[in-house]
Protein backbone atom coordinates (compact mmCIF):
# COMPACT_ATOMS: atom_id res chain seq x y z
CA MET A 1 -47.73 14.45 13.10
CA GLN A 2 -49.63 13.52 16.37
CA ALA A 3 -51.45 16.89 16.55
CA ALA A 4 -52.38 17.02 12.57
CA THR A 5 -53.76 13.12 12.65
CA GLY A 6 -55.24 13.27 16.18
CA ASP A 7 -53.47 10.05 16.54
CA HIS A 8 -50.06 9.53 18.21
CA VAL A 9 -46.58 7.69 17.40
CA ASP A 10 -44.96 5.65 19.92
CA LEU A 11 -41.69 4.42 18.02
CA ALA A 12 -39.98 6.45 15.42
CA TYR A 13 -36.88 4.65 13.28
CA VAL A 14 -34.26 7.26 13.32
CA ASP A 15 -30.74 7.18 11.89
CA GLN A 16 -27.38 8.16 13.41
CA GLY A 17 -27.67 11.83 13.36
CA TYR A 18 -30.63 11.69 15.86
CA THR A 19 -28.18 9.75 18.65
CA GLY A 20 -27.50 11.90 21.72
CA GLU A 21 -29.56 13.17 24.60
CA ARG A 22 -31.26 16.28 22.77
CA PRO A 23 -33.25 14.09 20.43
CA ALA A 24 -33.98 11.44 23.00
CA LYS A 25 -35.26 14.47 25.31
CA ALA A 26 -37.56 15.73 22.38
CA ALA A 27 -39.22 12.48 21.68
CA ARG A 28 -39.98 11.29 25.43
CA GLN A 29 -41.49 15.05 25.93
CA HIS A 30 -43.97 13.78 23.14
CA GLY A 31 -44.21 9.99 24.36
CA ILE A 32 -42.13 8.52 21.55
CA ALA A 33 -39.47 6.23 21.82
CA LEU A 34 -36.59 6.88 19.45
CA GLU A 35 -34.84 3.28 17.60
CA VAL A 36 -31.63 4.39 16.10
CA VAL A 37 -30.74 2.01 13.03
CA ARG A 38 -26.93 1.92 12.99
CA LEU A 39 -24.80 0.74 10.23
CA PRO A 40 -22.68 -2.75 11.39
CA GLU A 41 -18.95 -2.15 12.72
CA ALA A 42 -17.22 -3.89 9.79
CA LYS A 43 -19.06 -2.04 6.79
CA ARG A 44 -17.93 -3.71 3.52
CA GLY A 45 -19.68 -2.72 0.41
CA PHE A 46 -23.53 -1.67 -0.01
CA VAL A 47 -25.23 -2.84 3.42
CA LEU A 48 -29.07 -2.49 3.66
CA LEU A 49 -30.40 -1.06 6.92
CA PRO A 50 -33.34 -2.46 8.56
CA ARG A 51 -36.32 -0.13 8.40
CA ARG A 52 -34.15 2.29 6.17
CA TRP A 53 -36.41 1.35 2.96
CA VAL A 54 -39.45 2.52 4.19
CA VAL A 55 -38.24 5.83 5.07
CA GLU A 56 -36.47 5.98 1.38
CA ARG A 57 -39.64 4.48 -0.36
CA SER A 58 -41.69 7.40 1.31
CA PHE A 59 -39.60 9.85 0.46
CA ALA A 60 -39.85 8.57 -3.46
CA TRP A 61 -43.76 8.56 -3.46
CA ALA A 62 -43.49 12.13 -1.80
CA THR A 63 -41.15 13.38 -5.01
CA ARG A 64 -43.61 12.21 -7.36
CA PHE A 65 -45.57 15.33 -6.34
CA ARG A 66 -44.05 18.16 -8.42
CA ARG A 67 -44.74 20.84 -5.62
CA LEU A 68 -42.25 18.47 -3.05
CA VAL A 69 -39.50 18.12 -5.66
CA LYS A 70 -38.02 21.45 -4.93
CA ASP A 71 -38.63 23.85 -2.00
CA TYR A 72 -40.86 26.23 -3.67
CA GLU A 73 -42.82 27.32 -0.42
CA ARG A 74 -42.04 30.68 1.63
CA TYR A 75 -43.31 29.22 4.76
CA PRO A 76 -42.21 25.85 6.79
CA SER A 77 -46.08 25.20 7.55
CA THR A 78 -46.92 25.34 3.90
CA LEU A 79 -44.46 23.02 3.26
CA ALA A 80 -45.53 20.86 6.18
CA ASP A 81 -49.07 20.85 4.85
CA LEU A 82 -48.36 19.70 1.41
CA HIS A 83 -46.54 16.86 2.92
CA ILE A 84 -49.56 15.96 4.73
CA VAL A 85 -52.07 16.08 1.70
CA THR A 86 -49.43 14.33 -0.28
CA PHE A 87 -49.36 11.34 2.02
CA VAL A 88 -53.40 11.63 2.51
CA CYS A 89 -53.65 11.32 -1.31
CA LEU A 90 -51.35 8.29 -1.69
CA MET A 91 -53.06 6.33 1.42
CA LEU A 92 -56.50 6.93 -0.16
CA LYS A 93 -54.92 5.58 -3.76
CA GLN A 94 -53.92 2.66 -1.46
CA ALA A 95 -57.25 2.10 0.28
CA ALA A 96 -59.07 2.26 -3.07
CA ARG A 97 -56.96 -0.32 -4.53
CA LEU A 98 -57.70 -2.58 -1.44
CA ALA A 99 -61.28 -2.20 -1.35
CA ALA A 100 -61.52 -3.02 -5.56
CA SER A 101 -59.77 -6.21 -4.66
CA SER A 102 -61.79 -7.42 -2.01
């Protein structure tokens, strides 16, 4: 992401699948701090995890683009590029909406 945007990521919210030394080491190599979002110990029923909604909302927005609903691509780099194009389109749409309201 950092190479594609020319910017940098300081903090990444991750789920419990990214606990351990291997993800932490990979994140440190890129200068990223990982914050693991954990379930509470005494879980009863549905529990909304902090910052998890941001990820789920982003996935929902991305699936509106037909090419990202299924994995049609032969190369992973093509799929990654399509994700970048998708989120650029979404950000441009939001920027146009903000510019029109001001």
